[in-house]
């Protein structure tokens, strides 16, 4: 099962919430563990400080 690009765009813009199934599918496609989608990166931390 895949995740439609339009759906991902809606999630990225905060216009729609991701379900657990969507989070699982995205993490599988990216080859990462689901919790990695919620970890803050150094880049996002620096952006908030600006």
C-alpha atoms as a PDB file:
ATOM      1  CA  UNK A   1       0.000   0.000   0.000  1.00  0.00           C
ATOM      2  CA  UNK A   2       1.317   3.416  -0.911  1.00  0.00           C
ATOM      3  CA  UNK A   3       0.542   6.938   0.161  1.00  0.00           C
ATOM      4  CA  UNK A   4      -0.690   9.369  -2.462  1.00  0.00           C
ATOM      5  CA  UNK A   5       1.565  12.385  -3.054  1.00  0.00           C
ATOM      6  CA  UNK A   6      -1.377  14.757  -2.697  1.00  0.00           C
ATOM      7  CA  UNK A   7      -2.185  13.265   0.709  1.00  0.00           C
ATOM      8  CA  UNK A   8       1.423  13.737   1.835  1.00  0.00           C
ATOM      9  CA  UNK A   9       1.234  17.367   0.714  1.00  0.00           C
ATOM     10  CA  UNK A  10      -1.897  17.923   2.788  1.00  0.00           C
ATOM     11  CA  UNK A  11      -0.165  16.447   5.827  1.00  0.00           C
ATOM     12  CA  UNK A  12       2.973  18.553   5.289  1.00  0.00           C
ATOM     13  CA  UNK A  13       0.910  21.748   5.086  1.00  0.00           C
ATOM     14  CA  UNK A  14      -1.056  20.808   8.200  1.00  0.00           C
ATOM     15  CA  UNK A  15      -4.317  20.604   6.269  1.00  0.00           C
ATOM     16  CA  UNK A  16      -4.895  16.966   7.173  1.00  0.00           C
ATOM     17  CA  UNK A  17      -3.779  14.713  10.011  1.00  0.00           C
ATOM     18  CA  UNK A  18      -1.813  11.541   9.414  1.00  0.00           C
ATOM     19  CA  UNK A  19      -3.306   8.256  10.574  1.00  0.00           C
ATOM     20  CA  UNK A  20      -1.189   5.560  12.175  1.00  0.00           C
ATOM     21  CA  UNK A  21      -1.450   3.583   8.933  1.00  0.00           C
ATOM     22  CA  UNK A  22      -0.132   6.571   6.948  1.00  0.00           C
ATOM     23  CA  UNK A  23       2.753   7.060   9.388  1.00  0.00           C
ATOM     24  CA  UNK A  24       3.607   3.361   9.114  1.00  0.00           C
ATOM     25  CA  UNK A  25       3.444   3.438   5.288  1.00  0.00           C
ATOM     26  CA  UNK A  26       5.648   6.537   5.078  1.00  0.00           C
ATOM     27  CA  UNK A  27       8.237   5.091   7.418  1.00  0.00           C
ATOM     28  CA  UNK A  28       8.305   1.828   5.457  1.00  0.00           C
ATOM     29  CA  UNK A  29       8.784   3.736   2.176  1.00  0.00           C
ATOM     30  CA  UNK A  30      11.597   5.811   3.688  1.00  0.00           C
ATOM     31  CA  UNK A  31      13.242   2.812   5.348  1.00  0.00           C
ATOM     32  CA  UNK A  32      13.115   4.373   8.813  1.00  0.00           C
ATOM     33  CA  UNK A  33      11.373   3.596  12.097  1.00  0.00           C
ATOM     34  CA  UNK A  34       8.082   5.473  12.622  1.00  0.00           C
ATOM     35  CA  UNK A  35       9.412   7.436  15.608  1.00  0.00           C
ATOM     36  CA  UNK A  36      12.075   8.989  13.366  1.00  0.00           C
ATOM     37  CA  UNK A  37       9.291  10.987  11.705  1.00  0.00           C
ATOM     38  CA  UNK A  38       8.729  12.756  15.016  1.00  0.00           C
ATOM     39  CA  UNK A  39      12.333  13.465  15.979  1.00  0.00           C
ATOM     40  CA  UNK A  40      13.479  17.029  15.588  1.00  0.00           C
ATOM     41  CA  UNK A  41      16.451  17.583  13.357  1.00  0.00           C
ATOM     42  CA  UNK A  42      19.254  20.048  13.961  1.00  0.00           C
ATOM     43  CA  UNK A  43      17.924  22.053  10.991  1.00  0.00           C
ATOM     44  CA  UNK A  44      14.450  22.469  12.522  1.00  0.00           C
ATOM     45  CA  UNK A  45      15.936  23.513  15.861  1.00  0.00           C
ATOM     46  CA  UNK A  46      18.086  26.178  14.156  1.00  0.00           C
ATOM     47  CA  UNK A  47      15.112  27.480  12.175  1.00  0.00           C
ATOM     48  CA  UNK A  48      13.125  28.051  15.373  1.00  0.00           C
ATOM     49  CA  UNK A  49      15.959  30.068  16.912  1.00  0.00           C
ATOM     50  CA  UNK A  50      15.971  32.543  13.991  1.00  0.00           C
END
